[in-house]
C-alpha atoms as a PDB file:
ATOM      1  CA  UNK A   1      -3.909  25.557  11.128  1.00  0.00           C
ATOM      2  CA  UNK A   2      -1.510  26.037   8.452  1.00  0.00           C
ATOM      3  CA  UNK A   3      -1.819  23.421   5.597  1.00  0.00           C
ATOM      4  CA  UNK A   4       1.166  22.175   3.890  1.00  0.00           C
ATOM      5  CA  UNK A   5       1.794  23.653   0.520  1.00  0.00           C
ATOM      6  CA  UNK A   6       2.972  21.191  -2.106  1.00  0.00           C
ATOM      7  CA  UNK A   7       4.288  21.339  -5.743  1.00  0.00           C
ATOM      8  CA  UNK A   8       4.017  19.488  -8.763  1.00  0.00           C
ATOM      9  CA  UNK A   9       6.257  16.449  -7.773  1.00  0.00           C
ATOM     10  CA  UNK A  10       4.152  15.785  -4.722  1.00  0.00           C
ATOM     11  CA  UNK A  11       1.030  15.889  -6.542  1.00  0.00           C
ATOM     12  CA  UNK A  12       2.600  13.112  -9.006  1.00  0.00           C
ATOM     13  CA  UNK A  13       3.402  11.256  -6.003  1.00  0.00           C
ATOM     14  CA  UNK A  14      -0.088  11.368  -4.619  1.00  0.00           C
ATOM     15  CA  UNK A  15      -1.556  10.301  -8.265  1.00  0.00           C
ATOM     16  CA  UNK A  16       0.883   7.422  -8.383  1.00  0.00           C
ATOM     17  CA  UNK A  17      -0.582   6.289  -4.881  1.00  0.00           C
ATOM     18  CA  UNK A  18      -4.189   6.619  -5.984  1.00  0.00           C
ATOM     19  CA  UNK A  19      -3.669   4.990  -9.170  1.00  0.00           C
ATOM     20  CA  UNK A  20      -2.031   1.735  -7.468  1.00  0.00           C
ATOM     21  CA  UNK A  21      -4.577   1.843  -4.682  1.00  0.00           C
ATOM     22  CA  UNK A  22      -7.521   1.514  -7.012  1.00  0.00           C
ATOM     23  CA  UNK A  23      -5.590  -1.460  -8.765  1.00  0.00           C
ATOM     24  CA  UNK A  24      -4.956  -2.995  -5.531  1.00  0.00           C
ATOM     25  CA  UNK A  25      -8.558  -3.010  -4.225  1.00  0.00           C
ATOM     26  CA  UNK A  26      -9.871  -4.015  -7.542  1.00  0.00           C
ATOM     27  CA  UNK A  27      -7.922  -7.297  -7.602  1.00  0.00           C
ATOM     28  CA  UNK A  28      -8.417  -7.820  -3.738  1.00  0.00           C
ATOM     29  CA  UNK A  29     -12.028  -7.612  -4.108  1.00  0.00           C
ATOM     30  CA  UNK A  30     -12.240 -10.579  -6.207  1.00  0.00           C
ATOM     31  CA  UNK A  31     -10.400 -12.906  -4.140  1.00  0.00           C
ATOM     32  CA  UNK A  32     -12.581 -15.306  -2.216  1.00  0.00           C
ATOM     33  CA  UNK A  33     -10.079 -16.172   0.375  1.00  0.00           C
ATOM     34  CA  UNK A  34      -9.341 -12.576   1.602  1.00  0.00           C
ATOM     35  CA  UNK A  35     -11.137 -11.234   4.529  1.00  0.00           C
ATOM     36  CA  UNK A  36     -10.192  -7.670   4.102  1.00  0.00           C
ATOM     37  CA  UNK A  37      -7.795  -5.228   2.673  1.00  0.00           C
ATOM     38  CA  UNK A  38      -6.429  -2.218   4.605  1.00  0.00           C
ATOM     39  CA  UNK A  39      -5.030   1.211   3.461  1.00  0.00           C
ATOM     40  CA  UNK A  40      -2.270   2.579   6.076  1.00  0.00           C
ATOM     41  CA  UNK A  41      -1.332   6.201   5.929  1.00  0.00           C
ATOM     42  CA  UNK A  42       1.674   6.287   8.457  1.00  0.00           C
ATOM     43  CA  UNK A  43       1.936  10.117   8.221  1.00  0.00           C
ATOM     44  CA  UNK A  44      -1.423  10.930   7.168  1.00  0.00           C
ATOM     45  CA  UNK A  45      -1.263  14.845   7.877  1.00  0.00           C
ATOM     46  CA  UNK A  46      -4.397  16.644   7.739  1.00  0.00           C
ATOM     47  CA  UNK A  47      -5.611  14.925   4.662  1.00  0.00           C
ATOM     48  CA  UNK A  48      -5.918  18.154   2.485  1.00  0.00           C
ATOM     49  CA  UNK A  49      -2.984  20.406   0.944  1.00  0.00           C
ATOM     50  CA  UNK A  50      -2.648  23.644  -0.810  1.00  0.00           C
ATOM     51  CA  UNK A  51      -1.269  23.694  -4.250  1.00  0.00           C
ATOM     52  CA  UNK A  52       1.820  26.152  -3.999  1.00  0.00           C
ATOM     53  CA  UNK A  53       1.149  27.547  -7.607  1.00  0.00           C
ATOM     54  CA  UNK A  54      -2.610  28.628  -7.330  1.00  0.00           C
ATOM     55  CA  UNK A  55      -3.456  28.251  -3.542  1.00  0.00           C
ATOM     56  CA  UNK A  56      -6.183  25.785  -4.308  1.00  0.00           C
ATOM     57  CA  UNK A  57      -7.112  22.945  -1.744  1.00  0.00           C
ATOM     58  CA  UNK A  58      -6.418  19.559  -3.188  1.00  0.00           C
ATOM     59  CA  UNK A  59      -6.947  16.092  -1.302  1.00  0.00           C
ATOM     60  CA  UNK A  60      -3.956  14.343   0.107  1.00  0.00           C
ATOM     61  CA  UNK A  61      -3.256  10.616   0.289  1.00  0.00           C
ATOM     62  CA  UNK A  62      -6.181   9.836   2.869  1.00  0.00           C
ATOM     63  CA  UNK A  63      -8.742  11.298   1.072  1.00  0.00           C
ATOM     64  CA  UNK A  64      -7.570   9.991  -2.421  1.00  0.00           C
ATOM     65  CA  UNK A  65      -7.981   6.382  -0.824  1.00  0.00           C
ATOM     66  CA  UNK A  66     -11.456   6.947   0.056  1.00  0.00           C
ATOM     67  CA  UNK A  67     -12.213   8.241  -3.582  1.00  0.00           C
ATOM     68  CA  UNK A  68     -11.385   5.106  -5.421  1.00  0.00           C
ATOM     69  CA  UNK A  69     -13.930   2.986  -7.219  1.00  0.00           C
ATOM     70  CA  UNK A  70     -13.572   0.123  -4.834  1.00  0.00           C
ATOM     71  CA  UNK A  71     -12.824   1.182  -1.573  1.00  0.00           C
ATOM     72  CA  UNK A  72     -10.712  -0.630   0.941  1.00  0.00           C
ATOM     73  CA  UNK A  73     -12.519  -2.379   3.932  1.00  0.00           C
ATOM     74  CA  UNK A  74     -10.714  -0.433   6.557  1.00  0.00           C
ATOM     75  CA  UNK A  75      -8.375   2.597   6.911  1.00  0.00           C
ATOM     76  CA  UNK A  76      -5.605   3.767   9.470  1.00  0.00           C
ATOM     77  CA  UNK A  77      -4.495   7.058   9.710  1.00  0.00           C
ATOM     78  CA  UNK A  78      -1.662   8.202  11.881  1.00  0.00           C
ATOM     79  CA  UNK A  79      -0.344  11.553  12.577  1.00  0.00           C
ATOM     80  CA  UNK A  80       1.974  12.760  15.626  1.00  0.00           C
ATOM     81  CA  UNK A  81       0.306  16.300  15.249  1.00  0.00           C
ATOM     82  CA  UNK A  82      -2.786  16.664  17.201  1.00  0.00           C
ATOM     83  CA  UNK A  83      -4.180  19.368  14.866  1.00  0.00           C
ATOM     84  CA  UNK A  84      -3.936  17.531  11.618  1.00  0.00           C
ATOM     85  CA  UNK A  85      -5.772  14.181  13.292  1.00  0.00           C
ATOM     86  CA  UNK A  86      -8.333  16.466  14.586  1.00  0.00           C
ATOM     87  CA  UNK A  87      -8.992  17.959  10.944  1.00  0.00           C
ATOM     88  CA  UNK A  88      -8.970  14.469   9.993  1.00  0.00           C
ATOM     89  CA  UNK A  89     -11.462  13.287  12.650  1.00  0.00           C
ATOM     90  CA  UNK A  90     -13.752  16.227  11.403  1.00  0.00           C
ATOM     91  CA  UNK A  91     -13.633  15.379   7.725  1.00  0.00           C
ATOM     92  CA  UNK A  92     -13.803  11.499   8.016  1.00  0.00           C
ATOM     93  CA  UNK A  93     -17.096  10.402   6.421  1.00  0.00           C
ATOM     94  CA  UNK A  94     -18.910   8.120   8.594  1.00  0.00           C
ATOM     95  CA  UNK A  95     -19.807   5.178   6.099  1.00  0.00           C
ATOM     96  CA  UNK A  96     -16.018   4.160   5.722  1.00  0.00           C
ATOM     97  CA  UNK A  97     -14.245   2.010   8.597  1.00  0.00           C
ATOM     98  CA  UNK A  98     -11.808   4.595   9.435  1.00  0.00           C
ATOM     99  CA  UNK A  99      -9.351   4.636  12.505  1.00  0.00           C
ATOM    100  CA  UNK A 100      -7.415   7.567  13.268  1.00  0.00           C
ATOM    101  CA  UNK A 101      -4.293   7.666  15.765  1.00  0.00           C
ATOM    102  CA  UNK A 102      -2.272  10.373  17.412  1.00  0.00           C
ATOM    103  CA  UNK A 103       1.230   9.507  18.011  1.00  0.00           C
ATOM    104  CA  UNK A 104       4.345   8.045  16.633  1.00  0.00           C
ATOM    105  CA  UNK A 105       3.603   5.642  13.784  1.00  0.00           C
ATOM    106  CA  UNK A 106       6.428   3.323  14.676  1.00  0.00           C
ATOM    107  CA  UNK A 107       4.622   2.770  17.973  1.00  0.00           C
ATOM    108  CA  UNK A 108       1.268   2.561  16.666  1.00  0.00           C
ATOM    109  CA  UNK A 109       1.893   0.136  14.084  1.00  0.00           C
ATOM    110  CA  UNK A 110       3.850  -2.064  15.945  1.00  0.00           C
ATOM    111  CA  UNK A 111       1.482  -2.395  18.732  1.00  0.00           C
ATOM    112  CA  UNK A 112      -1.997  -1.708  17.063  1.00  0.00           C
ATOM    113  CA  UNK A 113      -2.072  -2.096  13.436  1.00  0.00           C
ATOM    114  CA  UNK A 114       0.590  -4.712  12.130  1.00  0.00           C
ATOM    115  CA  UNK A 115      -0.525  -7.507  14.614  1.00  0.00           C
ATOM    116  CA  UNK A 116      -4.009  -7.518  12.879  1.00  0.00           C
ATOM    117  CA  UNK A 117      -2.396  -8.127   9.715  1.00  0.00           C
ATOM    118  CA  UNK A 118      -0.649 -11.364  10.340  1.00  0.00           C
ATOM    119  CA  UNK A 119      -0.642 -14.171   7.567  1.00  0.00           C
ATOM    120  CA  UNK A 120      -3.531 -15.970   9.445  1.00  0.00           C
ATOM    121  CA  UNK A 121      -5.711 -13.018   9.377  1.00  0.00           C
ATOM    122  CA  UNK A 122      -6.058 -13.599   5.640  1.00  0.00           C
ATOM    123  CA  UNK A 123      -6.067  -9.751   5.088  1.00  0.00           C
ATOM    124  CA  UNK A 124      -3.720  -7.664   2.782  1.00  0.00           C
ATOM    125  CA  UNK A 125      -2.681  -4.185   3.175  1.00  0.00           C
ATOM    126  CA  UNK A 126      -1.017  -1.179   1.532  1.00  0.00           C
ATOM    127  CA  UNK A 127       0.891   1.081   3.650  1.00  0.00           C
ATOM    128  CA  UNK A 128       2.323   4.399   2.671  1.00  0.00           C
ATOM    129  CA  UNK A 129       5.059   5.700   4.472  1.00  0.00           C
ATOM    130  CA  UNK A 130       5.235   9.434   3.858  1.00  0.00           C
ATOM    131  CA  UNK A 131       7.639  10.910   6.526  1.00  0.00           C
ATOM    132  CA  UNK A 132       8.346  14.665   6.818  1.00  0.00           C
ATOM    133  CA  UNK A 133      11.954  13.842   7.358  1.00  0.00           C
ATOM    134  CA  UNK A 134      13.939  11.001   9.087  1.00  0.00           C
ATOM    135  CA  UNK A 135      10.977  10.000  11.230  1.00  0.00           C
ATOM    136  CA  UNK A 136      10.700   6.537  10.162  1.00  0.00           C
ATOM    137  CA  UNK A 137      12.593   3.665  12.003  1.00  0.00           C
ATOM    138  CA  UNK A 138      13.986   0.873   9.985  1.00  0.00           C
ATOM    139  CA  UNK A 139      12.564  -1.637  12.571  1.00  0.00           C
ATOM    140  CA  UNK A 140       9.060  -0.528  11.332  1.00  0.00           C
ATOM    141  CA  UNK A 141       9.871  -1.372   7.729  1.00  0.00           C
ATOM    142  CA  UNK A 142      11.241  -4.640   8.908  1.00  0.00           C
ATOM    143  CA  UNK A 143       8.099  -5.553  10.791  1.00  0.00           C
ATOM    144  CA  UNK A 144       5.889  -4.744   7.476  1.00  0.00           C
ATOM    145  CA  UNK A 145       8.141  -6.842   5.450  1.00  0.00           C
ATOM    146  CA  UNK A 146       7.763  -9.874   8.006  1.00  0.00           C
ATOM    147  CA  UNK A 147       4.229  -9.722   7.791  1.00  0.00           C
ATOM    148  CA  UNK A 148       4.247 -10.756   4.148  1.00  0.00           C
ATOM    149  CA  UNK A 149       0.801  -9.261   3.760  1.00  0.00           C
ATOM    150  CA  UNK A 150       1.588  -5.682   3.331  1.00  0.00           C
ATOM    151  CA  UNK A 151       3.063  -3.671   0.406  1.00  0.00           C
ATOM    152  CA  UNK A 152       4.514  -0.440   0.952  1.00  0.00           C
ATOM    153  CA  UNK A 153       5.180   2.861  -0.646  1.00  0.00           C
ATOM    154  CA  UNK A 154       8.062   4.742   0.949  1.00  0.00           C
ATOM    155  CA  UNK A 155       9.019   8.404   0.343  1.00  0.00           C
ATOM    156  CA  UNK A 156      12.896   8.514   0.778  1.00  0.00           C
ATOM    157  CA  UNK A 157      13.383  12.129   1.959  1.00  0.00           C
ATOM    158  CA  UNK A 158      16.438  13.443   0.261  1.00  0.00           C
ATOM    159  CA  UNK A 159      15.925  16.886   0.792  1.00  0.00           C
ATOM    160  CA  UNK A 160      15.661  16.323   4.692  1.00  0.00           C
ATOM    161  CA  UNK A 161      18.806  14.120   4.432  1.00  0.00           C
ATOM    162  CA  UNK A 162      20.971  16.482   2.294  1.00  0.00           C
ATOM    163  CA  UNK A 163      19.949  19.719   4.633  1.00  0.00           C
ATOM    164  CA  UNK A 164      20.677  18.142   7.981  1.00  0.00           C
ATOM    165  CA  UNK A 165      22.981  14.910   7.401  1.00  0.00           C
ATOM    166  CA  UNK A 166      24.551  14.566   4.003  1.00  0.00           C
ATOM    167  CA  UNK A 167      27.176  17.539   4.348  1.00  0.00           C
ATOM    168  CA  UNK A 168      30.054  17.847   2.030  1.00  0.00           C
ATOM    169  CA  UNK A 169      32.054  16.617   5.028  1.00  0.00           C
ATOM    170  CA  UNK A 170      30.164  14.360   7.318  1.00  0.00           C
ATOM    171  CA  UNK A 171      32.155  15.666  10.344  1.00  0.00           C
ATOM    172  CA  UNK A 172      30.353  18.805  10.201  1.00  0.00           C
ATOM    173  CA  UNK A 173      27.053  17.142  10.606  1.00  0.00           C
ATOM    174  CA  UNK A 174      25.045  17.146  13.814  1.00  0.00           C
ATOM    175  CA  UNK A 175      25.759  13.558  15.701  1.00  0.00           C
ATOM    176  CA  UNK A 176      22.103  13.562  16.432  1.00  0.00           C
ATOM    177  CA  UNK A 177      21.193  13.686  12.783  1.00  0.00           C
ATOM    178  CA  UNK A 178      23.517  11.072  11.555  1.00  0.00           C
ATOM    179  CA  UNK A 179      21.971   8.708  14.264  1.00  0.00           C
ATOM    180  CA  UNK A 180      18.469   9.552  12.736  1.00  0.00           C
ATOM    181  CA  UNK A 181      19.851   8.604   9.533  1.00  0.00           C
ATOM    182  CA  UNK A 182      21.234   5.205  10.755  1.00  0.00           C
ATOM    183  CA  UNK A 183      17.873   4.534  12.700  1.00  0.00           C
ATOM    184  CA  UNK A 184      16.190   5.401   9.185  1.00  0.00           C
ATOM    185  CA  UNK A 185      18.613   3.027   7.054  1.00  0.00           C
ATOM    186  CA  UNK A 186      19.057   0.600   9.780  1.00  0.00           C
ATOM    187  CA  UNK A 187      22.724   0.562   9.119  1.00  0.00           C
ATOM    188  CA  UNK A 188      25.546   2.833   8.923  1.00  0.00           C
ATOM    189  CA  UNK A 189      26.846   1.509   5.663  1.00  0.00           C
ATOM    190  CA  UNK A 190      25.649   4.516   3.779  1.00  0.00           C
ATOM    191  CA  UNK A 191      28.578   6.420   5.185  1.00  0.00           C
ATOM    192  CA  UNK A 192      30.691   4.050   3.146  1.00  0.00           C
ATOM    193  CA  UNK A 193      28.493   4.415   0.192  1.00  0.00           C
ATOM    194  CA  UNK A 194      28.772   8.235   0.028  1.00  0.00           C
ATOM    195  CA  UNK A 195      32.067   9.183   2.040  1.00  0.00           C
ATOM    196  CA  UNK A 196      35.550   8.742   2.046  1.00  0.00           C
ATOM    197  CA  UNK A 197      37.727   9.138   5.275  1.00  0.00           C
ATOM    198  CA  UNK A 198      41.178  11.106   5.331  1.00  0.00           C
ATOM    199  CA  UNK A 199      43.308  13.615   7.052  1.00  0.00           C
ATOM    200  CA  UNK A 200      44.209  17.027   5.782  1.00  0.00           C
ATOM    201  CA  UNK A 201      47.606  18.604   5.973  1.00  0.00           C
ATOM    202  CA  UNK A 202      47.152  19.367   9.539  1.00  0.00           C
ATOM    203  CA  UNK A 203      46.422  16.002  10.559  1.00  0.00           C
ATOM    204  CA  UNK A 204      42.606  16.687  11.059  1.00  0.00           C
ATOM    205  CA  UNK A 205      40.125  13.868  10.056  1.00  0.00           C
ATOM    206  CA  UNK A 206      37.422  14.628   7.439  1.00  0.00           C
ATOM    207  CA  UNK A 207      34.785  12.427   5.711  1.00  0.00           C
ATOM    208  CA  UNK A 208      34.546  13.734   2.317  1.00  0.00           C
ATOM    209  CA  UNK A 209      31.395  13.283   0.276  1.00  0.00           C
ATOM    210  CA  UNK A 210      32.195  11.389  -2.939  1.00  0.00           C
ATOM    211  CA  UNK A 211      29.090   9.470  -3.718  1.00  0.00           C
ATOM    212  CA  UNK A 212      25.730  10.615  -5.224  1.00  0.00           C
ATOM    213  CA  UNK A 213      22.082  10.538  -4.265  1.00  0.00           C
ATOM    214  CA  UNK A 214      21.656   8.215  -6.918  1.00  0.00           C
ATOM    215  CA  UNK A 215      24.032   5.455  -5.524  1.00  0.00           C
ATOM    216  CA  UNK A 216      22.420   6.240  -2.168  1.00  0.00           C
ATOM    217  CA  UNK A 217      18.917   5.164  -3.537  1.00  0.00           C
ATOM    218  CA  UNK A 218      20.386   2.132  -5.394  1.00  0.00           C
ATOM    219  CA  UNK A 219      21.895   0.906  -2.279  1.00  0.00           C
ATOM    220  CA  UNK A 220      18.804   1.465  -0.150  1.00  0.00           C
ATOM    221  CA  UNK A 221      17.023  -0.465  -2.954  1.00  0.00           C
ATOM    222  CA  UNK A 222      19.215  -3.520  -3.239  1.00  0.00           C
ATOM    223  CA  UNK A 223      20.925  -3.793  -0.009  1.00  0.00           C
ATOM    224  CA  UNK A 224      18.051  -2.423   2.451  1.00  0.00           C
ATOM    225  CA  UNK A 225      14.746  -3.332   0.988  1.00  0.00           C
ATOM    226  CA  UNK A 226      15.780  -6.230  -1.042  1.00  0.00           C
ATOM    227  CA  UNK A 227      18.347  -8.177   1.208  1.00  0.00           C
ATOM    228  CA  UNK A 228      17.894  -6.812   4.476  1.00  0.00           C
ATOM    229  CA  UNK A 229      14.192  -6.484   4.469  1.00  0.00           C
ATOM    230  CA  UNK A 230      13.650  -9.323   2.283  1.00  0.00           C
ATOM    231  CA  UNK A 231      11.155  -8.041  -0.019  1.00  0.00           C
ATOM    232  CA  UNK A 232      11.090  -9.952  -3.271  1.00  0.00           C
ATOM    233  CA  UNK A 233      10.232  -7.218  -5.549  1.00  0.00           C
ATOM    234  CA  UNK A 234      11.572  -3.539  -5.505  1.00  0.00           C
ATOM    235  CA  UNK A 235      11.086  -1.923  -8.768  1.00  0.00           C
ATOM    236  CA  UNK A 236      13.420   1.032  -9.610  1.00  0.00           C
ATOM    237  CA  UNK A 237      12.211   4.079  -7.611  1.00  0.00           C
ATOM    238  CA  UNK A 238      11.197   7.363  -9.057  1.00  0.00           C
ATOM    239  CA  UNK A 239      13.435  10.016  -8.501  1.00  0.00           C
ATOM    240  CA  UNK A 240      11.687  13.551  -8.153  1.00  0.00           C
ATOM    241  CA  UNK A 241      13.726  16.642  -8.700  1.00  0.00           C
ATOM    242  CA  UNK A 242      12.934  20.235  -8.248  1.00  0.00           C
ATOM    243  CA  UNK A 243      12.972  22.853 -11.032  1.00  0.00           C
ATOM    244  CA  UNK A 244      16.871  23.387 -10.793  1.00  0.00           C
ATOM    245  CA  UNK A 245      17.369  19.561 -10.804  1.00  0.00           C
ATOM    246  CA  UNK A 246      18.122  19.261  -7.077  1.00  0.00           C
ATOM    247  CA  UNK A 247      16.706  15.639  -5.883  1.00  0.00           C
ATOM    248  CA  UNK A 248      13.671  16.087  -3.432  1.00  0.00           C
ATOM    249  CA  UNK A 249      12.940  12.378  -2.825  1.00  0.00           C
ATOM    250  CA  UNK A 250      12.832   8.877  -4.173  1.00  0.00           C
ATOM    251  CA  UNK A 251       9.583   6.990  -4.256  1.00  0.00           C
ATOM    252  CA  UNK A 252      10.092   3.390  -3.473  1.00  0.00           C
ATOM    253  CA  UNK A 253       7.688   0.531  -3.809  1.00  0.00           C
ATOM    254  CA  UNK A 254       8.343  -3.053  -1.899  1.00  0.00           C
ATOM    255  CA  UNK A 255       6.228  -6.154  -2.345  1.00  0.00           C
ATOM    256  CA  UNK A 256       6.175  -9.827  -2.172  1.00  0.00           C
ATOM    257  CA  UNK A 257       3.490  -9.887  -4.965  1.00  0.00           C
ATOM    258  CA  UNK A 258       4.666 -10.271  -8.511  1.00  0.00           C
ATOM    259  CA  UNK A 259       1.243  -8.752  -9.868  1.00  0.00           C
ATOM    260  CA  UNK A 260       1.795  -5.665  -7.719  1.00  0.00           C
ATOM    261  CA  UNK A 261       5.306  -5.300  -8.993  1.00  0.00           C
ATOM    262  CA  UNK A 262       4.312  -5.446 -12.453  1.00  0.00           C
ATOM    263  CA  UNK A 263       1.574  -2.967 -12.047  1.00  0.00           C
ATOM    264  CA  UNK A 264       3.632  -0.302 -10.047  1.00  0.00           C
ATOM    265  CA  UNK A 265       6.549  -0.616 -12.492  1.00  0.00           C
ATOM    266  CA  UNK A 266       4.130   0.250 -15.152  1.00  0.00           C
ATOM    267  CA  UNK A 267       2.969   3.311 -13.086  1.00  0.00           C
ATOM    268  CA  UNK A 268       6.389   4.492 -12.332  1.00  0.00           C
ATOM    269  CA  UNK A 269       7.544   4.201 -15.981  1.00  0.00           C
ATOM    270  CA  UNK A 270       4.387   6.130 -17.150  1.00  0.00           C
ATOM    271  CA  UNK A 271       5.231   9.136 -14.784  1.00  0.00           C
ATOM    272  CA  UNK A 272       9.069   9.041 -15.591  1.00  0.00           C
ATOM    273  CA  UNK A 273       8.319  11.035 -18.710  1.00  0.00           C
ATOM    274  CA  UNK A 274       7.305  14.137 -16.630  1.00  0.00           C
ATOM    275  CA  UNK A 275      10.438  13.978 -14.461  1.00  0.00           C
END
């Protein structure tokens, strides 16, 4: 099958996740009360990528999580593409507790994984949401937040949003794409953040874009992840841009854990100098 080609910003994203995953397990393995700690990759892909500049194969987030010094006690890898899950199954080492799921992560998380991570389980989890586009539902983020056992990284896919939804005039966007954005954000308020309604000289209605991607990111951080989902700590996200300065994605982190917040804030700040 054709593997995904990734650029430097995606590699930095993978490095950030791996660095925090290593810190996470190092801390959790010392907690006597903890009965296990899970790594969840909700859009796992094939587990390997192609470096765009050189054509080299490089490990993706599923394999990075297996290579840290102190492994997680369980791994959950999900993808909707059968060919990608088949590659995961062929390459998965037998000496790790790995479960691979074929299907929609929103359904699989709600039915099969999150129920095992209730507070009474005395487990903790790190969940990475790296959607290819607007394929993640807000309800899934809410369910992760309700657990209070699970920290999340979220790739906020600005490139897909800008291409398919956030047109200069929102009226020109496909209504189905607008609904996808609503389901991702769990709210229609993003329209008020980014657009102003009006009528032109002929009386036709328009919704002209006046807000920026930075404003959208700040709104999602404060209004959605903090207020609506209830995560206690959401550090300022990292904004990745392409070589021309165009926004690619925000990388968010959300947690109830003060130590996790401190560590990720330091990691984010370390990598900002490359952006």
